[in-house]
Amino acid sequence: MFGISLPQSFLQMNTIFISILIEALPFVTLGVLISGIIQIFVTEEMIAKIMPKNKILAVIFASFLGILFPSCECGIVPIVSRLVSKGVPISAGIAFMLTAPIINPVVLFATFIAFGSDWKMPLYRAIGAIVVSVVVGNLIAFKYKGSPFKEHVHHHHHHSHETTFWKKIWQTLDHAVEEFFSMGKYLVIGSLIAAAVQTYIKTSTLVSIGQGQASSSIVMMALSFILSLCSEADAFIASSFRTTFSTGSLLAFLVFGPMVDIKNLMMMLATFKKKLVFMIVSSVFVVVFVYSLLF
């Protein structure tokens, strides 16, 4: 090829990048389609009606609700703010926000495939998510007072109820395509960074960080925050670090990332009061960190 030779390391990076991308794409596609369908056909009123009245029960119930409402973390904040405006307690709304992107069946299946068809990781990941959301949700239920919303958040109801079935189908597809591209961007950037880290940072350096329990968890949590991946894709990136990083730190990556990352944090700050966001982020960090040390 015109005598231009690319450095070996670049080709290696490219290979890692493409393999992460190709593995993750089908799950991302499935994820956006399902979340598009749910967004159109399931109303927040339905959820508000079935929410238990008891504080603690509401949090536990909301933590498991995500199994039925697979949603990527990209679109979860607006869903939560609509739920809360329809009368779901903020503590339950937050519990739903934390677990939904993780205990979503598409995501757990993606995690299963990414880790070589092993049920251990998806199981630990789901348990971790539920532990975090029950602790954080109850903390908010008993400690957070006042309105959760920033003053100027107005709730617009985009869809009128007269829409025809076909219009709904169109909205679903429209929503899915839009979400696919916004997620696709992050997936590409995230895969590139992960591939670059693995190619250009010496394995010995990675291994020495990756074996220290506390340091590896913090590094992986920071990485999941920066990469801002979609939860349908992040398991493929985590599994690419399998050889160098401990199980606990990979779990920290897989539980923390969908709960708190750059784009999620921006959305939370735009919607909720700073005090509430600070409470969520700091408590999630602590609980995930402690959880990751158990492995």
Protein backbone atom coordinates (compact mmCIF):
# COMPACT_ATOMS: atom_id res chain seq x y z
CA MET A 1 0.00 0.00 0.00
CA PHE A 2 2.09 2.93 -1.32
CA GLY A 3 4.87 1.85 1.01
CA ILE A 4 3.20 3.39 4.05
CA SER A 5 3.44 1.07 6.99
CA LEU A 6 1.40 1.74 10.07
CA PRO A 7 3.11 1.06 13.39
CA GLN A 8 2.33 -2.35 14.83
CA SER A 9 0.93 -0.82 18.02
CA PHE A 10 -1.58 1.21 16.03
CA LEU A 11 -2.82 -1.91 14.25
CA GLN A 12 -3.09 -3.72 17.57
CA MET A 13 -5.10 -0.82 19.00
CA ASN A 14 -7.32 -0.87 15.94
CA THR A 15 -8.00 -4.59 16.38
CA ILE A 16 -9.01 -4.18 20.02
CA PHE A 17 -11.15 -1.17 19.11
CA ILE A 18 -13.03 -2.95 16.32
CA SER A 19 -13.59 -6.11 18.32
CA ILE A 20 -15.10 -4.18 21.24
CA LEU A 21 -17.27 -2.24 18.81
CA ILE A 22 -18.53 -5.23 16.85
CA GLU A 23 -19.37 -7.23 19.97
CA ALA A 24 -21.28 -4.38 21.57
CA LEU A 25 -23.30 -3.09 18.61
CA PRO A 26 -26.02 -5.77 18.46
CA PHE A 27 -26.78 -5.20 22.14
CA VAL A 28 -26.89 -1.45 21.74
CA THR A 29 -29.30 -1.86 18.82
CA LEU A 30 -31.54 -4.21 20.77
CA GLY A 31 -31.38 -1.91 23.77
CA VAL A 32 -32.48 1.23 21.93
CA LEU A 33 -35.34 -0.57 20.23
CA ILE A 34 -36.71 -1.96 23.48
CA SER A 35 -36.32 1.30 25.36
CA GLY A 36 -38.00 3.12 22.47
CA ILE A 37 -40.97 0.76 22.58
CA ILE A 38 -41.30 1.07 26.34
CA GLN A 39 -41.06 4.84 26.32
CA ILE A 40 -44.01 5.05 23.97
CA PHE A 41 -46.27 2.28 25.23
CA VAL A 42 -45.79 2.31 29.00
CA THR A 43 -46.99 5.38 30.82
CA GLU A 44 -45.52 6.79 34.00
CA GLU A 45 -49.05 6.81 35.44
CA MET A 46 -49.07 3.01 35.36
CA ILE A 47 -45.90 2.92 37.43
CA ALA A 48 -47.09 5.59 39.86
CA LYS A 49 -50.25 3.56 40.50
CA ILE A 50 -48.46 0.34 41.39
CA MET A 51 -45.77 1.92 43.61
CA PRO A 52 -46.08 0.72 47.25
CA LYS A 53 -46.85 3.46 49.79
CA ASN A 54 -44.30 2.32 52.38
CA LYS A 55 -40.96 4.19 52.01
CA ILE A 56 -38.65 1.20 52.25
CA LEU A 57 -40.88 -1.07 50.16
CA ALA A 58 -41.16 1.59 47.47
CA VAL A 59 -37.36 1.72 47.20
CA ILE A 60 -37.02 -2.06 47.03
CA PHE A 61 -39.84 -2.31 44.50
CA ALA A 62 -38.32 0.42 42.33
CA SER A 63 -34.91 -1.29 42.46
CA PHE A 64 -36.39 -4.30 40.69
CA LEU A 65 -38.61 -2.37 38.31
CA GLY A 66 -35.78 -2.05 35.80
CA ILE A 67 -36.12 -5.74 34.92
CA LEU A 68 -39.39 -4.86 33.22
CA PHE A 69 -38.27 -1.50 31.88
CA PRO A 70 -34.97 -1.98 30.15
CA SER A 71 -33.63 1.50 29.66
CA CYS A 72 -30.15 2.66 28.91
CA GLU A 73 -28.65 5.19 31.30
CA CYS A 74 -28.68 7.70 28.45
CA GLY A 75 -32.40 8.27 28.72
CA ILE A 76 -33.07 7.47 32.33
CA VAL A 77 -32.92 10.89 34.00
CA PRO A 78 -35.86 12.37 32.06
CA ILE A 79 -37.90 9.22 32.76
CA VAL A 80 -37.20 9.57 36.49
CA SER A 81 -38.12 13.24 36.57
CA ARG A 82 -41.42 12.45 34.86
CA LEU A 83 -42.08 9.62 37.33
CA VAL A 84 -41.44 11.87 40.30
CA SER A 85 -43.65 14.60 38.87
CA LYS A 86 -46.42 11.98 38.60
CA GLY A 87 -46.15 11.20 42.31
CA VAL A 88 -43.49 8.51 42.67
CA PRO A 89 -41.33 9.34 45.75
CA ILE A 90 -37.91 10.72 44.79
CA SER A 91 -36.16 7.95 46.76
CA ALA A 92 -37.90 5.29 44.66
CA GLY A 93 -37.27 7.29 41.48
CA ILE A 94 -33.55 7.38 42.23
CA ALA A 95 -33.51 3.66 43.11
CA PHE A 96 -35.06 2.98 39.70
CA MET A 97 -32.56 5.30 38.01
CA LEU A 98 -29.61 3.45 39.55
CA THR A 99 -30.67 -0.12 38.78
CA ALA A 100 -32.61 0.13 35.52
CA PRO A 101 -29.57 0.43 33.23
CA ILE A 102 -27.98 -2.60 34.91
CA ILE A 103 -30.62 -5.20 35.71
CA ASN A 104 -32.04 -4.75 32.24
CA PRO A 105 -32.11 -8.26 30.65
CA VAL A 106 -30.36 -7.05 27.50
CA VAL A 107 -27.49 -5.67 29.61
CA LEU A 108 -27.16 -8.78 31.75
CA PHE A 109 -27.16 -10.95 28.65
CA ALA A 110 -24.49 -8.70 27.11
CA THR A 111 -22.43 -9.07 30.31
CA PHE A 112 -22.85 -12.86 30.15
CA ILE A 113 -21.60 -12.97 26.55
CA ALA A 114 -18.76 -10.49 27.18
CA PHE A 115 -17.37 -12.59 30.00
CA GLY A 116 -17.25 -15.80 27.99
CA SER A 117 -20.75 -17.08 28.79
CA ASP A 118 -20.19 -17.09 32.52
CA TRP A 119 -23.10 -16.25 34.82
CA LYS A 120 -20.85 -15.07 37.65
CA MET A 121 -20.27 -11.51 36.42
CA PRO A 122 -23.86 -10.67 35.42
CA LEU A 123 -25.06 -12.07 38.73
CA TYR A 124 -22.57 -10.11 40.86
CA ARG A 125 -23.29 -7.07 38.74
CA ALA A 126 -27.06 -7.28 39.30
CA ILE A 127 -26.67 -7.92 43.04
CA GLY A 128 -24.26 -4.99 43.31
CA ALA A 129 -26.73 -2.70 41.55
CA ILE A 130 -29.58 -3.69 43.85
CA VAL A 131 -27.46 -3.35 47.00
CA VAL A 132 -26.39 0.15 45.93
CA SER A 133 -29.87 1.31 45.01
CA VAL A 134 -31.50 -0.03 48.19
CA VAL A 135 -28.87 1.68 50.36
CA VAL A 136 -28.88 4.95 48.42
CA GLY A 137 -32.66 5.00 47.96
CA ASN A 138 -33.26 4.54 51.69
CA LEU A 139 -30.65 7.15 52.52
CA ILE A 140 -32.56 9.62 50.33
CA ALA A 141 -35.93 8.51 51.73
CA PHE A 142 -34.87 9.24 55.30
CA LYS A 143 -32.35 12.04 54.88
CA TYR A 144 -33.41 14.16 51.92
CA LYS A 145 -35.99 16.86 52.59
CA GLY A 146 -37.55 19.43 50.29
CA SER A 147 -38.14 19.46 46.56
CA PRO A 148 -35.81 17.31 44.48
CA PHE A 149 -36.07 19.53 41.41
CA LYS A 150 -34.22 22.63 40.41
CA GLU A 151 -36.66 25.54 40.42
CA HIS A 152 -36.87 26.07 36.70
CA VAL A 153 -37.60 22.52 35.57
CA HIS A 154 -40.99 22.53 33.86
CA HIS A 155 -42.49 19.23 32.89
CA HIS A 156 -43.59 19.20 29.31
CA HIS A 157 -45.74 16.34 28.22
CA HIS A 158 -44.55 15.65 24.74
CA HIS A 159 -47.00 13.04 23.68
CA SER A 160 -50.69 13.78 23.53
CA HIS A 161 -52.87 10.73 24.01
CA GLU A 162 -54.61 11.05 20.64
CA THR A 163 -51.64 9.70 18.71
CA THR A 164 -52.48 6.80 16.45
CA PHE A 165 -50.82 3.42 16.75
CA TRP A 166 -48.74 4.03 13.59
CA LYS A 167 -47.63 7.39 14.86
CA LYS A 168 -46.45 5.67 18.02
CA ILE A 169 -44.52 3.13 15.99
CA TRP A 170 -42.90 5.98 14.07
CA GLN A 171 -42.02 7.77 17.32
CA THR A 172 -40.51 4.56 18.64
CA LEU A 173 -38.28 4.17 15.61
CA ASP A 174 -37.43 7.85 15.60
CA HIS A 175 -36.48 7.67 19.28
CA ALA A 176 -34.46 4.49 18.72
CA VAL A 177 -32.48 5.94 15.81
CA GLU A 178 -31.73 9.12 17.72
CA GLU A 179 -30.64 7.19 20.80
CA PHE A 180 -28.59 4.79 18.68
CA PHE A 181 -26.53 7.63 17.26
CA SER A 182 -26.06 9.45 20.53
CA MET A 183 -25.00 6.17 22.16
CA GLY A 184 -22.93 5.16 19.17
CA LYS A 185 -20.74 8.24 19.59
CA TYR A 186 -19.93 7.35 23.17
CA LEU A 187 -19.38 3.72 22.32
CA VAL A 188 -16.85 4.62 19.61
CA ILE A 189 -14.98 7.09 21.82
CA GLY A 190 -15.08 4.71 24.79
CA SER A 191 -13.83 1.76 22.76
CA LEU A 192 -11.02 3.89 21.34
CA ILE A 193 -9.87 5.02 24.77
CA ALA A 194 -10.03 1.49 26.18
CA ALA A 195 -8.09 0.16 23.18
CA ALA A 196 -5.51 2.95 23.49
CA VAL A 197 -5.05 2.36 27.23
CA GLN A 198 -4.48 -1.34 26.64
CA THR A 199 -2.13 -0.77 23.75
CA TYR A 200 -0.02 2.10 24.98
CA ILE A 201 0.12 1.67 28.74
CA LYS A 202 2.55 -1.04 29.67
CA THR A 203 0.86 -4.25 30.78
CA SER A 204 3.06 -4.37 33.87
CA THR A 205 1.80 -0.92 34.93
CA LEU A 206 -1.80 -1.99 34.38
CA VAL A 207 -1.27 -5.22 36.27
CA SER A 208 0.31 -3.47 39.24
CA ILE A 209 -2.64 -1.04 39.46
CA GLY A 210 -5.09 -3.82 38.66
CA GLN A 211 -4.04 -6.06 41.50
CA GLY A 212 -4.13 -3.46 44.29
CA GLN A 213 -7.68 -3.84 45.54
CA ALA A 214 -8.46 -0.27 46.51
CA SER A 215 -6.42 1.38 43.76
CA SER A 216 -7.83 -0.83 41.02
CA SER A 217 -11.43 -0.15 42.06
CA ILE A 218 -10.88 3.60 42.11
CA VAL A 219 -9.08 3.56 38.76
CA MET A 220 -11.83 1.49 37.14
CA MET A 221 -14.58 3.69 38.61
CA ALA A 222 -12.81 6.77 37.29
CA LEU A 223 -12.45 5.09 33.91
CA SER A 224 -16.13 4.17 33.78
CA PHE A 225 -17.00 7.77 34.66
CA ILE A 226 -14.81 9.20 31.89
CA LEU A 227 -15.77 6.68 29.23
CA SER A 228 -19.49 7.33 29.82
CA LEU A 229 -20.46 4.14 28.06
CA CYS A 230 -23.88 2.76 27.53
CA SER A 231 -24.67 -0.10 29.82
CA GLU A 232 -25.40 -2.35 26.83
CA ALA A 233 -21.80 -1.96 25.69
CA ASP A 234 -19.67 -1.49 28.80
CA ALA A 235 -19.28 -5.18 29.62
CA PHE A 236 -17.30 -5.71 26.41
CA ILE A 237 -14.90 -2.98 27.43
CA ALA A 238 -14.64 -4.29 30.99
CA SER A 239 -13.96 -7.81 29.77
CA SER A 240 -11.10 -6.51 27.64
CA PHE A 241 -9.37 -5.64 30.95
CA ARG A 242 -9.98 -9.14 32.35
CA THR A 243 -6.38 -10.26 32.15
CA THR A 244 -4.97 -7.27 34.04
CA PHE A 245 -7.66 -6.20 36.51
CA SER A 246 -9.22 -7.94 39.49
CA THR A 247 -12.84 -9.10 39.45
CA GLY A 248 -13.76 -6.60 42.15
CA SER A 249 -12.50 -3.64 40.16
CA LEU A 250 -14.25 -4.83 36.98
CA LEU A 251 -17.46 -5.01 39.00
CA ALA A 252 -16.83 -1.49 40.29
CA PHE A 253 -16.56 -0.40 36.64
CA LEU A 254 -19.75 -2.25 35.69
CA VAL A 255 -21.85 -1.00 38.59
CA PHE A 256 -20.56 2.56 38.92
CA GLY A 257 -20.45 3.48 35.21
CA PRO A 258 -24.16 3.12 34.43
CA MET A 259 -25.05 4.96 37.64
CA VAL A 260 -22.64 7.88 37.44
CA ASP A 261 -20.79 9.02 34.35
CA ILE A 262 -20.17 12.33 32.62
CA LYS A 263 -23.33 12.48 30.56
CA ASN A 264 -25.49 11.15 33.36
CA LEU A 265 -24.06 13.65 35.83
CA MET A 266 -24.81 16.53 33.46
CA MET A 267 -28.39 15.37 33.07
CA MET A 268 -28.81 14.99 36.83
CA LEU A 269 -27.42 18.46 37.50
CA ALA A 270 -29.78 19.92 34.91
CA THR A 271 -32.79 18.27 36.57
CA PHE A 272 -32.20 17.85 40.31
CA LYS A 273 -30.92 20.11 43.08
CA LYS A 274 -27.15 20.04 43.60
CA LYS A 275 -27.57 18.79 47.16
CA LEU A 276 -29.50 15.74 45.95
CA VAL A 277 -27.03 15.02 43.13
CA PHE A 278 -24.12 15.26 45.56
CA MET A 279 -25.87 12.85 47.91
CA ILE A 280 -26.49 10.36 45.10
CA VAL A 281 -22.98 10.48 43.64
CA SER A 282 -21.08 10.32 46.92
CA SER A 283 -23.17 7.52 48.39
CA VAL A 284 -23.06 5.50 45.16
CA PHE A 285 -19.26 5.88 45.12
CA VAL A 286 -18.88 4.67 48.69
CA VAL A 287 -21.24 1.69 48.38
CA VAL A 288 -19.76 0.52 45.05
CA PHE A 289 -16.26 0.86 46.46
CA VAL A 290 -17.07 -1.23 49.52
CA TYR A 291 -18.92 -3.80 47.39
CA SER A 292 -15.95 -4.18 45.03
CA LEU A 293 -13.64 -4.97 47.94
CA LEU A 294 -15.66 -8.11 48.73
CA PHE A 295 -14.28 -9.87 45.65
